[in-house]
Amino acid sequence: MAESKEALEERIVEALKTVYDPEIPVDIYELGLIYEIDIQEGGKVDIKMTLTSPMCPVAESLPMEVQQKVWEVEGVSEVSLNVVYDPPWNKEMMSEEARFALDMF
């Protein structure tokens, strides 16, 4: 029996929580940089993410790191990652945990 999409998504989210913007001590998932995780048949995963700014110093490396981390998740067969800037990221997209960690309440 194939596992549920929810179980696979949980493992993907856990992997994403190991990726940090080097300038911010909060993981990219809690920062709200992941806009969408779409899991399709056969373990194909489409991810929409953004960066804190189009001029982000890790604009080249961070998406590659995200793609690699998701690719390593058991059950993922393919990863398609799309970096978008609409809607633009803002601090309201951060989780309460991230705002607390960054003292941004």
PDB file of N, CA and C in Angstrom:
ATOM      1  N   MET A   1       0.841  -1.187   0.000  1.00  0.00           N
ATOM      2  CA  MET A   1       0.000   0.000   0.000  1.00  0.00           C
ATOM      3  C   MET A   1       0.885   1.249   0.000  1.00  0.00           C
ATOM      4  N   ALA A   2       0.563   2.167  -0.855  1.00  0.00           N
ATOM      5  CA  ALA A   2       1.337   3.403  -0.939  1.00  0.00           C
ATOM      6  C   ALA A   2       1.059   4.273   0.283  1.00  0.00           C
ATOM      7  N   GLU A   3       2.088   4.957   0.735  1.00  0.00           N
ATOM      8  CA  GLU A   3       1.902   5.819   1.892  1.00  0.00           C
ATOM      9  C   GLU A   3       1.065   7.034   1.518  1.00  0.00           C
ATOM     10  N   SER A   4       0.539   7.681   2.514  1.00  0.00           N
ATOM     11  CA  SER A   4      -0.301   8.846   2.259  1.00  0.00           C
ATOM     12  C   SER A   4       0.551  10.050   1.865  1.00  0.00           C
ATOM     13  N   LYS A   5      -0.075  10.947   1.119  1.00  0.00           N
ATOM     14  CA  LYS A   5       0.598  12.195   0.752  1.00  0.00           C
ATOM     15  C   LYS A   5       0.944  12.979   2.011  1.00  0.00           C
ATOM     16  N   GLU A   6       0.071  12.885   3.026  1.00  0.00           N
ATOM     17  CA  GLU A   6       0.312  13.625   4.272  1.00  0.00           C
ATOM     18  C   GLU A   6       1.596  13.157   4.949  1.00  0.00           C
ATOM     19  N   ALA A   7       1.829  11.841   4.966  1.00  0.00           N
ATOM     20  CA  ALA A   7       3.041  11.312   5.601  1.00  0.00           C
ATOM     21  C   ALA A   7       4.287  11.762   4.837  1.00  0.00           C
ATOM     22  N   LEU A   8       4.213  11.725   3.516  1.00  0.00           N
ATOM     23  CA  LEU A   8       5.353  12.172   2.713  1.00  0.00           C
ATOM     24  C   LEU A   8       5.575  13.670   2.903  1.00  0.00           C
ATOM     25  N   GLU A   9       4.495  14.433   2.932  1.00  0.00           N
ATOM     26  CA  GLU A   9       4.630  15.878   3.126  1.00  0.00           C
ATOM     27  C   GLU A   9       5.258  16.191   4.479  1.00  0.00           C
ATOM     28  N   GLU A  10       4.896  15.440   5.514  1.00  0.00           N
ATOM     29  CA  GLU A  10       5.510  15.650   6.837  1.00  0.00           C
ATOM     30  C   GLU A  10       7.015  15.453   6.777  1.00  0.00           C
ATOM     31  N   ARG A  11       7.459  14.405   6.075  1.00  0.00           N
ATOM     32  CA  ARG A  11       8.905  14.159   5.962  1.00  0.00           C
ATOM     33  C   ARG A  11       9.586  15.252   5.148  1.00  0.00           C
ATOM     34  N   ILE A  12       8.903  15.747   4.113  1.00  0.00           N
ATOM     35  CA  ILE A  12       9.462  16.835   3.303  1.00  0.00           C
ATOM     36  C   ILE A  12       9.603  18.094   4.164  1.00  0.00           C
ATOM     37  N   VAL A  13       8.572  18.414   4.944  1.00  0.00           N
ATOM     38  CA  VAL A  13       8.630  19.591   5.814  1.00  0.00           C
ATOM     39  C   VAL A  13       9.772  19.446   6.816  1.00  0.00           C
ATOM     40  N   GLU A  14       9.938  18.256   7.387  1.00  0.00           N
ATOM     41  CA  GLU A  14      11.048  18.043   8.322  1.00  0.00           C
ATOM     42  C   GLU A  14      12.389  18.291   7.635  1.00  0.00           C
ATOM     43  N   ALA A  15      12.530  17.858   6.388  1.00  0.00           N
ATOM     44  CA  ALA A  15      13.772  18.096   5.639  1.00  0.00           C
ATOM     45  C   ALA A  15      13.960  19.592   5.394  1.00  0.00           C
ATOM     46  N   LEU A  16      12.870  20.278   5.048  1.00  0.00           N
ATOM     47  CA  LEU A  16      12.964  21.722   4.792  1.00  0.00           C
ATOM     48  C   LEU A  16      13.356  22.493   6.049  1.00  0.00           C
ATOM     49  N   LYS A  17      12.981  21.973   7.196  1.00  0.00           N
ATOM     50  CA  LYS A  17      13.308  22.646   8.453  1.00  0.00           C
ATOM     51  C   LYS A  17      14.788  22.512   8.808  1.00  0.00           C
ATOM     52  N   THR A  18      15.554  21.774   7.999  1.00  0.00           N
ATOM     53  CA  THR A  18      17.001  21.686   8.226  1.00  0.00           C
ATOM     54  C   THR A  18      17.759  22.688   7.360  1.00  0.00           C
ATOM     55  N   VAL A  19      17.035  23.463   6.542  1.00  0.00           N
ATOM     56  CA  VAL A  19      17.657  24.433   5.641  1.00  0.00           C
ATOM     57  C   VAL A  19      17.485  25.832   6.236  1.00  0.00           C
ATOM     58  N   TYR A  20      18.591  26.535   6.343  1.00  0.00           N
ATOM     59  CA  TYR A  20      18.583  27.882   6.935  1.00  0.00           C
ATOM     60  C   TYR A  20      19.141  28.896   5.956  1.00  0.00           C
ATOM     61  N   ASP A  21      18.558  30.073   5.984  1.00  0.00           N
ATOM     62  CA  ASP A  21      19.174  31.224   5.320  1.00  0.00           C
ATOM     63  C   ASP A  21      20.359  31.567   6.222  1.00  0.00           C
ATOM     64  N   PRO A  22      21.587  31.596   5.691  1.00  0.00           N
ATOM     65  CA  PRO A  22      22.750  31.802   6.559  1.00  0.00           C
ATOM     66  C   PRO A  22      22.740  33.119   7.342  1.00  0.00           C
ATOM     67  N   GLU A  23      21.945  34.082   6.902  1.00  0.00           N
ATOM     68  CA  GLU A  23      21.917  35.367   7.603  1.00  0.00           C
ATOM     69  C   GLU A  23      20.846  35.422   8.689  1.00  0.00           C
ATOM     70  N   ILE A  24      19.986  34.399   8.745  1.00  0.00           N
ATOM     71  CA  ILE A  24      18.862  34.414   9.684  1.00  0.00           C
ATOM     72  C   ILE A  24      18.845  33.081  10.434  1.00  0.00           C
ATOM     73  N   PRO A  25      18.839  33.105  11.757  1.00  0.00           N
ATOM     74  CA  PRO A  25      18.910  31.851  12.526  1.00  0.00           C
ATOM     75  C   PRO A  25      17.570  31.122  12.658  1.00  0.00           C
ATOM     76  N   VAL A  26      16.770  31.108  11.600  1.00  0.00           N
ATOM     77  CA  VAL A  26      15.485  30.412  11.589  1.00  0.00           C
ATOM     78  C   VAL A  26      15.410  29.640  10.274  1.00  0.00           C
ATOM     79  N   ASP A  27      14.842  28.432  10.309  1.00  0.00           N
ATOM     80  CA  ASP A  27      14.776  27.638   9.087  1.00  0.00           C
ATOM     81  C   ASP A  27      13.820  28.256   8.061  1.00  0.00           C
ATOM     82  N   ILE A  28      14.008  27.885   6.799  1.00  0.00           N
ATOM     83  CA  ILE A  28      13.248  28.504   5.714  1.00  0.00           C
ATOM     84  C   ILE A  28      11.757  28.195   5.773  1.00  0.00           C
ATOM     85  N   TYR A  29      11.390  27.065   6.359  1.00  0.00           N
ATOM     86  CA  TYR A  29       9.970  26.729   6.452  1.00  0.00           C
ATOM     87  C   TYR A  29       9.273  27.661   7.442  1.00  0.00           C
ATOM     88  N   GLU A  30       9.875  27.839   8.618  1.00  0.00           N
ATOM     89  CA  GLU A  30       9.293  28.728   9.629  1.00  0.00           C
ATOM     90  C   GLU A  30       9.348  30.187   9.185  1.00  0.00           C
ATOM     91  N   LEU A  31      10.329  30.520   8.332  1.00  0.00           N
ATOM     92  CA  LEU A  31      10.410  31.886   7.801  1.00  0.00           C
ATOM     93  C   LEU A  31       9.277  32.177   6.814  1.00  0.00           C
ATOM     94  N   GLY A  32       8.622  31.133   6.333  1.00  0.00           N
ATOM     95  CA  GLY A  32       7.536  31.329   5.374  1.00  0.00           C
ATOM     96  C   GLY A  32       8.019  31.419   3.938  1.00  0.00           C
ATOM     97  N   LEU A  33       9.223  30.904   3.674  1.00  0.00           N
ATOM     98  CA  LEU A  33       9.756  30.965   2.315  1.00  0.00           C
ATOM     99  C   LEU A  33       9.195  29.867   1.409  1.00  0.00           C
ATOM    100  N   ILE A  34       8.584  28.846   1.996  1.00  0.00           N
ATOM    101  CA  ILE A  34       7.973  27.773   1.198  1.00  0.00           C
ATOM    102  C   ILE A  34       6.503  28.114   1.015  1.00  0.00           C
ATOM    103  N   TYR A  35       6.116  28.371  -0.229  1.00  0.00           N
ATOM    104  CA  TYR A  35       4.739  28.759  -0.522  1.00  0.00           C
ATOM    105  C   TYR A  35       3.849  27.548  -0.798  1.00  0.00           C
ATOM    106  N   GLU A  36       4.398  26.520  -1.425  1.00  0.00           N
ATOM    107  CA  GLU A  36       3.560  25.391  -1.802  1.00  0.00           C
ATOM    108  C   GLU A  36       4.390  24.126  -1.938  1.00  0.00           C
ATOM    109  N   ILE A  37       3.825  23.017  -1.451  1.00  0.00           N
ATOM    110  CA  ILE A  37       4.397  21.691  -1.656  1.00  0.00           C
ATOM    111  C   ILE A  37       3.293  20.869  -2.300  1.00  0.00           C
ATOM    112  N   ASP A  38       3.482  20.493  -3.552  1.00  0.00           N
ATOM    113  CA  ASP A  38       2.482  19.733  -4.292  1.00  0.00           C
ATOM    114  C   ASP A  38       3.056  18.355  -4.590  1.00  0.00           C
ATOM    115  N   ILE A  39       2.446  17.339  -3.990  1.00  0.00           N
ATOM    116  CA  ILE A  39       2.911  15.969  -4.169  1.00  0.00           C
ATOM    117  C   ILE A  39       1.992  15.277  -5.170  1.00  0.00           C
ATOM    118  N   GLN A  40       2.598  14.750  -6.212  1.00  0.00           N
ATOM    119  CA  GLN A  40       1.840  14.067  -7.256  1.00  0.00           C
ATOM    120  C   GLN A  40       2.127  12.576  -7.226  1.00  0.00           C
ATOM    121  N   GLU A  41       1.413  11.843  -8.056  1.00  0.00           N
ATOM    122  CA  GLU A  41       1.592  10.392  -8.133  1.00  0.00           C
ATOM    123  C   GLU A  41       3.059  10.021  -8.351  1.00  0.00           C
ATOM    124  N   GLY A  42       3.457   8.934  -7.750  1.00  0.00           N
ATOM    125  CA  GLY A  42       4.805   8.423  -7.959  1.00  0.00           C
ATOM    126  C   GLY A  42       5.905   9.171  -7.231  1.00  0.00           C
ATOM    127  N   GLY A  43       5.534  10.065  -6.307  1.00  0.00           N
ATOM    128  CA  GLY A  43       6.540  10.771  -5.523  1.00  0.00           C
ATOM    129  C   GLY A  43       7.128  11.995  -6.191  1.00  0.00           C
ATOM    130  N   LYS A  44       6.470  12.475  -7.254  1.00  0.00           N
ATOM    131  CA  LYS A  44       6.925  13.713  -7.899  1.00  0.00           C
ATOM    132  C   LYS A  44       6.478  14.885  -7.028  1.00  0.00           C
ATOM    133  N   VAL A  45       7.415  15.767  -6.702  1.00  0.00           N
ATOM    134  CA  VAL A  45       7.141  16.885  -5.801  1.00  0.00           C
ATOM    135  C   VAL A  45       7.441  18.206  -6.505  1.00  0.00           C
ATOM    136  N   ASP A  46       6.450  19.087  -6.503  1.00  0.00           N
ATOM    137  CA  ASP A  46       6.626  20.440  -7.023  1.00  0.00           C
ATOM    138  C   ASP A  46       6.612  21.394  -5.837  1.00  0.00           C
ATOM    139  N   ILE A  47       7.620  22.240  -5.756  1.00  0.00           N
ATOM    140  CA  ILE A  47       7.720  23.190  -4.653  1.00  0.00           C
ATOM    141  C   ILE A  47       7.802  24.606  -5.214  1.00  0.00           C
ATOM    142  N   LYS A  48       7.015  25.495  -4.616  1.00  0.00           N
ATOM    143  CA  LYS A  48       7.138  26.921  -4.900  1.00  0.00           C
ATOM    144  C   LYS A  48       7.716  27.558  -3.650  1.00  0.00           C
ATOM    145  N   MET A  49       8.770  28.302  -3.846  1.00  0.00           N
ATOM    146  CA  MET A  49       9.393  28.990  -2.718  1.00  0.00           C
ATOM    147  C   MET A  49       9.792  30.387  -3.152  1.00  0.00           C
ATOM    148  N   THR A  50      10.136  31.196  -2.175  1.00  0.00           N
ATOM    149  CA  THR A  50      10.628  32.537  -2.453  1.00  0.00           C
ATOM    150  C   THR A  50      11.884  32.765  -1.634  1.00  0.00           C
ATOM    151  N   LEU A  51      12.442  33.926  -1.768  1.00  0.00           N
ATOM    152  CA  LEU A  51      13.596  34.354  -0.973  1.00  0.00           C
ATOM    153  C   LEU A  51      13.171  35.620  -0.241  1.00  0.00           C
ATOM    154  N   THR A  52      13.885  35.959   0.808  1.00  0.00           N
ATOM    155  CA  THR A  52      13.522  37.165   1.557  1.00  0.00           C
ATOM    156  C   THR A  52      13.648  38.405   0.688  1.00  0.00           C
ATOM    157  N   SER A  53      14.476  38.323  -0.348  1.00  0.00           N
ATOM    158  CA  SER A  53      14.670  39.436  -1.273  1.00  0.00           C
ATOM    159  C   SER A  53      15.228  38.886  -2.582  1.00  0.00           C
ATOM    160  N   PRO A  54      14.848  39.468  -3.716  1.00  0.00           N
ATOM    161  CA  PRO A  54      15.442  39.019  -4.982  1.00  0.00           C
ATOM    162  C   PRO A  54      16.962  39.190  -5.000  1.00  0.00           C
ATOM    163  N   MET A  55      17.472  40.094  -4.170  1.00  0.00           N
ATOM    164  CA  MET A  55      18.912  40.329  -4.104  1.00  0.00           C
ATOM    165  C   MET A  55      19.579  39.510  -2.995  1.00  0.00           C
ATOM    166  N   CYS A  56      18.879  38.519  -2.496  1.00  0.00           N
ATOM    167  CA  CYS A  56      19.391  37.663  -1.420  1.00  0.00           C
ATOM    168  C   CYS A  56      20.758  37.093  -1.810  1.00  0.00           C
ATOM    169  N   PRO A  57      21.752  37.184  -0.908  1.00  0.00           N
ATOM    170  CA  PRO A  57      23.096  36.700  -1.230  1.00  0.00           C
ATOM    171  C   PRO A  57      23.154  35.197  -1.538  1.00  0.00           C
ATOM    172  N   VAL A  58      22.157  34.435  -1.077  1.00  0.00           N
ATOM    173  CA  VAL A  58      22.165  32.991  -1.323  1.00  0.00           C
ATOM    174  C   VAL A  58      21.145  32.602  -2.398  1.00  0.00           C
ATOM    175  N   ALA A  59      20.784  33.559  -3.254  1.00  0.00           N
ATOM    176  CA  ALA A  59      19.787  33.310  -4.300  1.00  0.00           C
ATOM    177  C   ALA A  59      20.178  32.159  -5.225  1.00  0.00           C
ATOM    178  N   GLU A  60      21.459  31.941  -5.389  1.00  0.00           N
ATOM    179  CA  GLU A  60      21.929  30.843  -6.246  1.00  0.00           C
ATOM    180  C   GLU A  60      21.961  29.520  -5.497  1.00  0.00           C
ATOM    181  N   SER A  61      22.480  29.530  -4.284  1.00  0.00           N
ATOM    182  CA  SER A  61      22.722  28.279  -3.570  1.00  0.00           C
ATOM    183  C   SER A  61      21.536  27.759  -2.767  1.00  0.00           C
ATOM    184  N   LEU A  62      20.718  28.634  -2.208  1.00  0.00           N
ATOM    185  CA  LEU A  62      19.629  28.181  -1.333  1.00  0.00           C
ATOM    186  C   LEU A  62      18.612  27.304  -2.069  1.00  0.00           C
ATOM    187  N   PRO A  63      18.124  27.692  -3.251  1.00  0.00           N
ATOM    188  CA  PRO A  63      17.189  26.801  -3.945  1.00  0.00           C
ATOM    189  C   PRO A  63      17.790  25.429  -4.267  1.00  0.00           C
ATOM    190  N   MET A  64      19.061  25.400  -4.611  1.00  0.00           N
ATOM    191  CA  MET A  64      19.718  24.112  -4.884  1.00  0.00           C
ATOM    192  C   MET A  64      19.773  23.260  -3.622  1.00  0.00           C
ATOM    193  N   GLU A  65      20.032  23.883  -2.482  1.00  0.00           N
ATOM    194  CA  GLU A  65      20.068  23.150  -1.218  1.00  0.00           C
ATOM    195  C   GLU A  65      18.679  22.597  -0.884  1.00  0.00           C
ATOM    196  N   VAL A  66      17.646  23.401  -1.102  1.00  0.00           N
ATOM    197  CA  VAL A  66      16.273  22.957  -0.858  1.00  0.00           C
ATOM    198  C   VAL A  66      15.953  21.751  -1.736  1.00  0.00           C
ATOM    199  N   GLN A  67      16.273  21.862  -3.005  1.00  0.00           N
ATOM    200  CA  GLN A  67      15.986  20.769  -3.933  1.00  0.00           C
ATOM    201  C   GLN A  67      16.718  19.493  -3.512  1.00  0.00           C
ATOM    202  N   GLN A  68      17.966  19.602  -3.099  1.00  0.00           N
ATOM    203  CA  GLN A  68      18.750  18.446  -2.676  1.00  0.00           C
ATOM    204  C   GLN A  68      18.155  17.804  -1.425  1.00  0.00           C
ATOM    205  N   LYS A  69      17.768  18.613  -0.441  1.00  0.00           N
ATOM    206  CA  LYS A  69      17.203  18.078   0.802  1.00  0.00           C
ATOM    207  C   LYS A  69      15.904  17.321   0.530  1.00  0.00           C
ATOM    208  N   VAL A  70      15.052  17.877  -0.334  1.00  0.00           N
ATOM    209  CA  VAL A  70      13.780  17.210  -0.647  1.00  0.00           C
ATOM    210  C   VAL A  70      14.049  15.937  -1.438  1.00  0.00           C
ATOM    211  N   TRP A  71      14.996  15.985  -2.343  1.00  0.00           N
ATOM    212  CA  TRP A  71      15.356  14.819  -3.156  1.00  0.00           C
ATOM    213  C   TRP A  71      15.792  13.651  -2.266  1.00  0.00           C
ATOM    214  N   GLU A  72      16.411  13.939  -1.129  1.00  0.00           N
ATOM    215  CA  GLU A  72      16.909  12.901  -0.218  1.00  0.00           C
ATOM    216  C   GLU A  72      15.811  12.258   0.626  1.00  0.00           C
ATOM    217  N   VAL A  73      14.597  12.817   0.612  1.00  0.00           N
ATOM    218  CA  VAL A  73      13.499  12.283   1.412  1.00  0.00           C
ATOM    219  C   VAL A  73      13.008  10.975   0.789  1.00  0.00           C
ATOM    220  N   GLU A  74      12.893   9.939   1.607  1.00  0.00           N
ATOM    221  CA  GLU A  74      12.406   8.657   1.131  1.00  0.00           C
ATOM    222  C   GLU A  74      10.990   8.806   0.579  1.00  0.00           C
ATOM    223  N   GLY A  75      10.778   8.282  -0.623  1.00  0.00           N
ATOM    224  CA  GLY A  75       9.469   8.375  -1.256  1.00  0.00           C
ATOM    225  C   GLY A  75       9.390   9.446  -2.325  1.00  0.00           C
ATOM    226  N   VAL A  76      10.405  10.325  -2.388  1.00  0.00           N
ATOM    227  CA  VAL A  76      10.437  11.373  -3.406  1.00  0.00           C
ATOM    228  C   VAL A  76      11.196  10.832  -4.614  1.00  0.00           C
ATOM    229  N   SER A  77      10.560  10.904  -5.787  1.00  0.00           N
ATOM    230  CA  SER A  77      11.199  10.397  -7.001  1.00  0.00           C
ATOM    231  C   SER A  77      11.718  11.515  -7.907  1.00  0.00           C
ATOM    232  N   GLU A  78      11.136  12.694  -7.770  1.00  0.00           N
ATOM    233  CA  GLU A  78      11.512  13.819  -8.614  1.00  0.00           C
ATOM    234  C   GLU A  78      11.168  15.109  -7.874  1.00  0.00           C
ATOM    235  N   VAL A  79      12.003  16.132  -8.045  1.00  0.00           N
ATOM    236  CA  VAL A  79      11.756  17.418  -7.392  1.00  0.00           C
ATOM    237  C   VAL A  79      11.818  18.524  -8.442  1.00  0.00           C
ATOM    238  N   SER A  80      10.741  19.279  -8.521  1.00  0.00           N
ATOM    239  CA  SER A  80      10.703  20.456  -9.381  1.00  0.00           C
ATOM    240  C   SER A  80      10.560  21.662  -8.454  1.00  0.00           C
ATOM    241  N   LEU A  81      11.523  22.559  -8.515  1.00  0.00           N
ATOM    242  CA  LEU A  81      11.513  23.715  -7.624  1.00  0.00           C
ATOM    243  C   LEU A  81      11.389  24.996  -8.439  1.00  0.00           C
ATOM    244  N   ASN A  82      10.458  25.837  -8.047  1.00  0.00           N
ATOM    245  CA  ASN A  82      10.229  27.097  -8.741  1.00  0.00           C
ATOM    246  C   ASN A  82      10.360  28.231  -7.729  1.00  0.00           C
ATOM    247  N   VAL A  83      11.291  29.147  -7.971  1.00  0.00           N
ATOM    248  CA  VAL A  83      11.456  30.317  -7.109  1.00  0.00           C
ATOM    249  C   VAL A  83      10.581  31.432  -7.674  1.00  0.00           C
ATOM    250  N   VAL A  84       9.681  31.929  -6.834  1.00  0.00           N
ATOM    251  CA  VAL A  84       8.749  32.978  -7.255  1.00  0.00           C
ATOM    252  C   VAL A  84       8.902  34.198  -6.348  1.00  0.00           C
ATOM    253  N   TYR A  85       8.495  35.337  -6.847  1.00  0.00           N
ATOM    254  CA  TYR A  85       8.560  36.564  -6.043  1.00  0.00           C
ATOM    255  C   TYR A  85       7.198  37.234  -5.920  1.00  0.00           C
ATOM    256  N   ASP A  86       6.147  36.482  -6.284  1.00  0.00           N
ATOM    257  CA  ASP A  86       4.794  37.001  -6.172  1.00  0.00           C
ATOM    258  C   ASP A  86       3.946  35.951  -5.486  1.00  0.00           C
ATOM    259  N   PRO A  87       3.442  36.201  -4.311  1.00  0.00           N
ATOM    260  CA  PRO A  87       3.530  37.465  -3.591  1.00  0.00           C
ATOM    261  C   PRO A  87       4.916  37.644  -2.974  1.00  0.00           C
ATOM    262  N   PRO A  88       5.354  38.896  -2.838  1.00  0.00           N
ATOM    263  CA  PRO A  88       6.649  39.146  -2.221  1.00  0.00           C
ATOM    264  C   PRO A  88       6.632  38.704  -0.757  1.00  0.00           C
ATOM    265  N   TRP A  89       7.752  38.167  -0.311  1.00  0.00           N
ATOM    266  CA  TRP A  89       7.861  37.737   1.073  1.00  0.00           C
ATOM    267  C   TRP A  89       7.808  38.954   1.986  1.00  0.00           C
ATOM    268  N   ASN A  90       7.164  38.772   3.144  1.00  0.00           N
ATOM    269  CA  ASN A  90       7.216  39.793   4.193  1.00  0.00           C
ATOM    270  C   ASN A  90       7.167  39.088   5.541  1.00  0.00           C
ATOM    271  N   LYS A  91       7.481  39.815   6.591  1.00  0.00           N
ATOM    272  CA  LYS A  91       7.617  39.181   7.913  1.00  0.00           C
ATOM    273  C   LYS A  91       6.319  38.580   8.427  1.00  0.00           C
ATOM    274  N   GLU A  92       5.184  38.970   7.877  1.00  0.00           N
ATOM    275  CA  GLU A  92       3.904  38.377   8.291  1.00  0.00           C
ATOM    276  C   GLU A  92       3.798  36.910   7.872  1.00  0.00           C
ATOM    277  N   MET A  93       4.627  36.466   6.943  1.00  0.00           N
ATOM    278  CA  MET A  93       4.604  35.085   6.465  1.00  0.00           C
ATOM    279  C   MET A  93       5.341  34.140   7.416  1.00  0.00           C
ATOM    280  N   MET A  94       6.070  34.706   8.363  1.00  0.00           N
ATOM    281  CA  MET A  94       6.808  33.883   9.321  1.00  0.00           C
ATOM    282  C   MET A  94       5.845  33.253  10.318  1.00  0.00           C
ATOM    283  N   SER A  95       6.208  32.084  10.783  1.00  0.00           N
ATOM    284  CA  SER A  95       5.423  31.450  11.838  1.00  0.00           C
ATOM    285  C   SER A  95       5.609  32.241  13.134  1.00  0.00           C
ATOM    286  N   GLU A  96       4.723  32.004  14.067  1.00  0.00           N
ATOM    287  CA  GLU A  96       4.844  32.657  15.372  1.00  0.00           C
ATOM    288  C   GLU A  96       6.174  32.293  16.013  1.00  0.00           C
ATOM    289  N   GLU A  97       6.584  31.035  15.840  1.00  0.00           N
ATOM    290  CA  GLU A  97       7.861  30.561  16.382  1.00  0.00           C
ATOM    291  C   GLU A  97       9.034  31.360  15.806  1.00  0.00           C
ATOM    292  N   ALA A  98       8.998  31.619  14.498  1.00  0.00           N
ATOM    293  CA  ALA A  98      10.079  32.370  13.857  1.00  0.00           C
ATOM    294  C   ALA A  98      10.094  33.817  14.339  1.00  0.00           C
ATOM    295  N   ARG A  99       8.913  34.427  14.440  1.00  0.00           N
ATOM    296  CA  ARG A  99       8.853  35.815  14.915  1.00  0.00           C
ATOM    297  C   ARG A  99       9.383  35.923  16.333  1.00  0.00           C
ATOM    298  N   PHE A 100       9.064  34.943  17.158  1.00  0.00           N
ATOM    299  CA  PHE A 100       9.556  34.922  18.525  1.00  0.00           C
ATOM    300  C   PHE A 100      11.077  34.792  18.540  1.00  0.00           C
ATOM    301  N   ALA A 101      11.605  33.851  17.739  1.00  0.00           N
ATOM    302  CA  ALA A 101      13.060  33.616  17.690  1.00  0.00           C
ATOM    303  C   ALA A 101      13.812  34.856  17.226  1.00  0.00           C
ATOM    304  N   LEU A 102      13.199  35.617  16.342  1.00  0.00           N
ATOM    305  CA  LEU A 102      13.846  36.816  15.802  1.00  0.00           C
ATOM    306  C   LEU A 102      13.419  38.079  16.510  1.00  0.00           C
ATOM    307  N   ASP A 103      12.604  37.931  17.560  1.00  0.00           N
ATOM    308  CA  ASP A 103      12.114  39.071  18.341  1.00  0.00           C
ATOM    309  C   ASP A 103      11.429  40.086  17.427  1.00  0.00           C
ATOM    310  N   MET A 104      10.503  39.582  16.587  1.00  0.00           N
ATOM    311  CA  MET A 104       9.824  40.445  15.618  1.00  0.00           C
ATOM    312  C   MET A 104       8.320  40.451  15.842  1.00  0.00           C
ATOM    313  N   PHE A 105       7.894  40.578  17.081  1.00  0.00           N
ATOM    314  CA  PHE A 105       6.452  40.610  17.341  1.00  0.00           C
ATOM    315  C   PHE A 105       5.903  41.993  17.199  1.00  0.00           C
TER     316      PHE A 105
END
